Amino acid sequence: MSGLTREYEALLLVDPSANEETLSKAEKQFTEAAGRAGGSVQAVNRLGKRPLAYKIGKASEAQMIQVLLELAPDQVAGLRRTVVASGALLRLGLGLAGKVSAETSTGVNDGESE
């Protein structure tokens, strides 16, 4: 891993019926995965339940968690694969801070988007 890190923003979309325990678990899984990838979490913001622009499965809304983190660019794809493989999210958006791109929980778009 290189010494260079960049600021990234992740948007975790969790089932709209998720309770506090499920939200905490999803948040913890993501922040731990980021730490294992050599990243550092700067902030976590729970945005609550929000309507989606289009349905994901049968869901028309989702609980959203925003995570700001610093991570080496060469670790982004691995973090995505780890989080998507856990199956805890409806969707994951991960990109440079201010430029979040969505990807499905099935692992579509495993390449780093910058």
C-alpha atoms as a PDB file:
ATOM      1  CA  MET A   1       0.000   0.000   0.000  1.00  0.00           C
ATOM      2  CA  SER A   2       1.303   3.410  -0.888  1.00  0.00           C
ATOM      3  CA  GLY A   3       1.595   6.246   1.637  1.00  0.00           C
ATOM      4  CA  LEU A   4      -0.758   8.420  -0.399  1.00  0.00           C
ATOM      5  CA  THR A   5      -4.331   8.627   0.894  1.00  0.00           C
ATOM      6  CA  ARG A   6      -7.366  10.370  -0.534  1.00  0.00           C
ATOM      7  CA  GLU A   7     -10.650  11.466   0.965  1.00  0.00           C
ATOM      8  CA  TYR A   8     -13.594   9.244   0.063  1.00  0.00           C
ATOM      9  CA  GLU A   9     -17.288   9.369   0.813  1.00  0.00           C
ATOM     10  CA  ALA A  10     -19.396   6.237   1.208  1.00  0.00           C
ATOM     11  CA  LEU A  11     -23.177   6.094   1.239  1.00  0.00           C
ATOM     12  CA  LEU A  12     -24.535   2.920   2.786  1.00  0.00           C
ATOM     13  CA  LEU A  13     -28.153   2.126   1.910  1.00  0.00           C
ATOM     14  CA  VAL A  14     -29.720  -0.218   4.440  1.00  0.00           C
ATOM     15  CA  ASP A  15     -33.143  -1.879   4.426  1.00  0.00           C
ATOM     16  CA  PRO A  16     -35.804   0.737   5.290  1.00  0.00           C
ATOM     17  CA  SER A  17     -37.268  -1.468   8.041  1.00  0.00           C
ATOM     18  CA  ALA A  18     -33.869  -1.901   9.746  1.00  0.00           C
ATOM     19  CA  ASN A  19     -33.869  -1.366  13.493  1.00  0.00           C
ATOM     20  CA  GLU A  20     -31.141   0.394  15.499  1.00  0.00           C
ATOM     21  CA  GLU A  21     -29.224  -2.852  16.046  1.00  0.00           C
ATOM     22  CA  THR A  22     -29.119  -3.596  12.295  1.00  0.00           C
ATOM     23  CA  LEU A  23     -28.019  -0.043  11.463  1.00  0.00           C
ATOM     24  CA  SER A  24     -25.265  -0.197  14.090  1.00  0.00           C
ATOM     25  CA  LYS A  25     -24.104  -3.561  12.735  1.00  0.00           C
ATOM     26  CA  ALA A  26     -23.909  -2.261   9.141  1.00  0.00           C
ATOM     27  CA  GLU A  27     -22.031   0.850  10.295  1.00  0.00           C
ATOM     28  CA  LYS A  28     -19.610  -1.199  12.383  1.00  0.00           C
ATOM     29  CA  GLN A  29     -18.957  -3.707   9.583  1.00  0.00           C
ATOM     30  CA  PHE A  30     -18.110  -0.913   7.155  1.00  0.00           C
ATOM     31  CA  THR A  31     -15.865   1.045   9.533  1.00  0.00           C
ATOM     32  CA  GLU A  32     -14.012  -2.141  10.570  1.00  0.00           C
ATOM     33  CA  ALA A  33     -13.527  -3.142   6.920  1.00  0.00           C
ATOM     34  CA  ALA A  34     -12.183   0.349   6.181  1.00  0.00           C
ATOM     35  CA  GLY A  35      -9.756   0.016   9.096  1.00  0.00           C
ATOM     36  CA  ARG A  36      -8.557  -3.396   7.896  1.00  0.00           C
ATOM     37  CA  ALA A  37      -7.948  -1.827   4.466  1.00  0.00           C
ATOM     38  CA  GLY A  38      -5.669   0.743   6.109  1.00  0.00           C
ATOM     39  CA  GLY A  39      -8.183   3.577   6.041  1.00  0.00           C
ATOM     40  CA  SER A  40      -9.277   5.942   8.762  1.00  0.00           C
ATOM     41  CA  VAL A  41     -12.885   6.990   9.286  1.00  0.00           C
ATOM     42  CA  GLN A  42     -13.269  10.757   9.653  1.00  0.00           C
ATOM     43  CA  ALA A  43     -17.027  11.014  10.253  1.00  0.00           C
ATOM     44  CA  VAL A  44     -20.207   8.942  10.280  1.00  0.00           C
ATOM     45  CA  ASN A  45     -23.569  10.620   9.711  1.00  0.00           C
ATOM     46  CA  ARG A  46     -26.868   8.795   9.907  1.00  0.00           C
ATOM     47  CA  LEU A  47     -29.162  10.478   7.429  1.00  0.00           C
ATOM     48  CA  GLY A  48     -32.265   8.509   8.367  1.00  0.00           C
ATOM     49  CA  LYS A  49     -34.879   7.053   6.061  1.00  0.00           C
ATOM     50  CA  ARG A  50     -34.945   8.692   2.622  1.00  0.00           C
ATOM     51  CA  PRO A  51     -36.893   8.018  -0.570  1.00  0.00           C
ATOM     52  CA  LEU A  52     -34.959   6.426  -3.425  1.00  0.00           C
ATOM     53  CA  ALA A  53     -34.934   7.751  -6.977  1.00  0.00           C
ATOM     54  CA  TYR A  54     -35.860   4.231  -8.142  1.00  0.00           C
ATOM     55  CA  LYS A  55     -36.747   0.965  -6.442  1.00  0.00           C
ATOM     56  CA  ILE A  56     -34.045  -1.420  -5.307  1.00  0.00           C
ATOM     57  CA  GLY A  57     -35.772  -4.774  -5.276  1.00  0.00           C
ATOM     58  CA  LYS A  58     -39.095  -3.901  -3.642  1.00  0.00           C
ATOM     59  CA  ALA A  59     -37.709  -1.009  -1.585  1.00  0.00           C
ATOM     60  CA  SER A  60     -38.669   2.542  -2.538  1.00  0.00           C
ATOM     61  CA  GLU A  61     -36.808   4.048   0.435  1.00  0.00           C
ATOM     62  CA  ALA A  62     -33.742   3.186   2.510  1.00  0.00           C
ATOM     63  CA  GLN A  63     -32.001   4.029   5.754  1.00  0.00           C
ATOM     64  CA  MET A  64     -28.865   5.953   4.747  1.00  0.00           C
ATOM     65  CA  ILE A  65     -25.502   6.221   6.470  1.00  0.00           C
ATOM     66  CA  GLN A  66     -22.802   8.564   5.155  1.00  0.00           C
ATOM     67  CA  VAL A  67     -19.179   7.746   6.009  1.00  0.00           C
ATOM     68  CA  LEU A  68     -16.242  10.055   5.263  1.00  0.00           C
ATOM     69  CA  LEU A  69     -12.891   8.306   5.261  1.00  0.00           C
ATOM     70  CA  GLU A  70      -9.281   8.507   4.135  1.00  0.00           C
ATOM     71  CA  LEU A  71      -7.937   5.545   2.224  1.00  0.00           C
ATOM     72  CA  ALA A  72      -5.142   4.683  -0.193  1.00  0.00           C
ATOM     73  CA  PRO A  73      -6.513   4.524  -3.757  1.00  0.00           C
ATOM     74  CA  ASP A  74      -5.156   1.013  -4.286  1.00  0.00           C
ATOM     75  CA  GLN A  75      -7.321  -0.266  -1.396  1.00  0.00           C
ATOM     76  CA  VAL A  76     -10.705   1.014  -2.641  1.00  0.00           C
ATOM     77  CA  ALA A  77     -11.622  -1.968  -4.837  1.00  0.00           C
ATOM     78  CA  GLY A  78     -10.809  -4.406  -2.030  1.00  0.00           C
ATOM     79  CA  LEU A  79     -12.925  -2.454   0.444  1.00  0.00           C
ATOM     80  CA  ARG A  80     -15.842  -2.483  -2.009  1.00  0.00           C
ATOM     81  CA  ARG A  81     -15.573  -6.237  -2.532  1.00  0.00           C
ATOM     82  CA  THR A  82     -15.421  -6.893   1.200  1.00  0.00           C
ATOM     83  CA  VAL A  83     -18.451  -4.754   2.009  1.00  0.00           C
ATOM     84  CA  VAL A  84     -20.550  -5.931  -0.942  1.00  0.00           C
ATOM     85  CA  ALA A  85     -19.775  -9.582  -0.124  1.00  0.00           C
ATOM     86  CA  SER A  86     -21.147  -9.138   3.414  1.00  0.00           C
ATOM     87  CA  GLY A  87     -24.651  -8.741   1.936  1.00  0.00           C
ATOM     88  CA  ALA A  88     -25.740  -6.328   4.687  1.00  0.00           C
ATOM     89  CA  LEU A  89     -26.536  -3.439   2.340  1.00  0.00           C
ATOM     90  CA  LEU A  90     -29.148  -2.738  -0.312  1.00  0.00           C
ATOM     91  CA  ARG A  91     -26.597  -0.613  -2.147  1.00  0.00           C
ATOM     92  CA  LEU A  92     -23.176   0.971  -1.637  1.00  0.00           C
ATOM     93  CA  GLY A  93     -22.007   4.248  -3.107  1.00  0.00           C
ATOM     94  CA  LEU A  94     -18.259   4.828  -2.759  1.00  0.00           C
ATOM     95  CA  GLY A  95     -16.140   7.439  -4.474  1.00  0.00           C
ATOM     96  CA  LEU A  96     -14.000  10.507  -4.021  1.00  0.00           C
ATOM     97  CA  ALA A  97     -15.558  12.916  -1.549  1.00  0.00           C
ATOM     98  CA  GLY A  98     -18.231  14.845  -3.412  1.00  0.00           C
ATOM     99  CA  LYS A  99     -18.347  12.335  -6.299  1.00  0.00           C
ATOM    100  CA  VAL A 100     -20.205   9.276  -4.971  1.00  0.00           C
ATOM    101  CA  SER A 101     -21.212   6.644  -7.536  1.00  0.00           C
ATOM    102  CA  ALA A 102     -23.700   3.861  -6.801  1.00  0.00           C
ATOM    103  CA  GLU A 103     -23.060   0.173  -7.178  1.00  0.00           C
ATOM    104  CA  THR A 104     -25.250  -2.795  -6.433  1.00  0.00           C
ATOM    105  CA  SER A 105     -24.817  -5.189  -3.573  1.00  0.00           C
ATOM    106  CA  THR A 106     -24.100  -7.913  -6.146  1.00  0.00           C
ATOM    107  CA  GLY A 107     -20.657  -6.439  -6.802  1.00  0.00           C
ATOM    108  CA  VAL A 108     -21.283  -4.708 -10.123  1.00  0.00           C
ATOM    109  CA  ASN A 109     -18.674  -2.045 -10.893  1.00  0.00           C
ATOM    110  CA  ASP A 110     -15.796  -3.415  -8.808  1.00  0.00           C
ATOM    111  CA  GLY A 111     -13.317  -0.985 -10.408  1.00  0.00           C
ATOM    112  CA  GLU A 112     -12.331   2.215  -8.650  1.00  0.00           C
ATOM    113  CA  SER A 113     -14.307   5.213  -9.892  1.00  0.00           C
ATOM    114  CA  GLU A 114     -12.610   8.559  -9.689  1.00  0.00           C
END
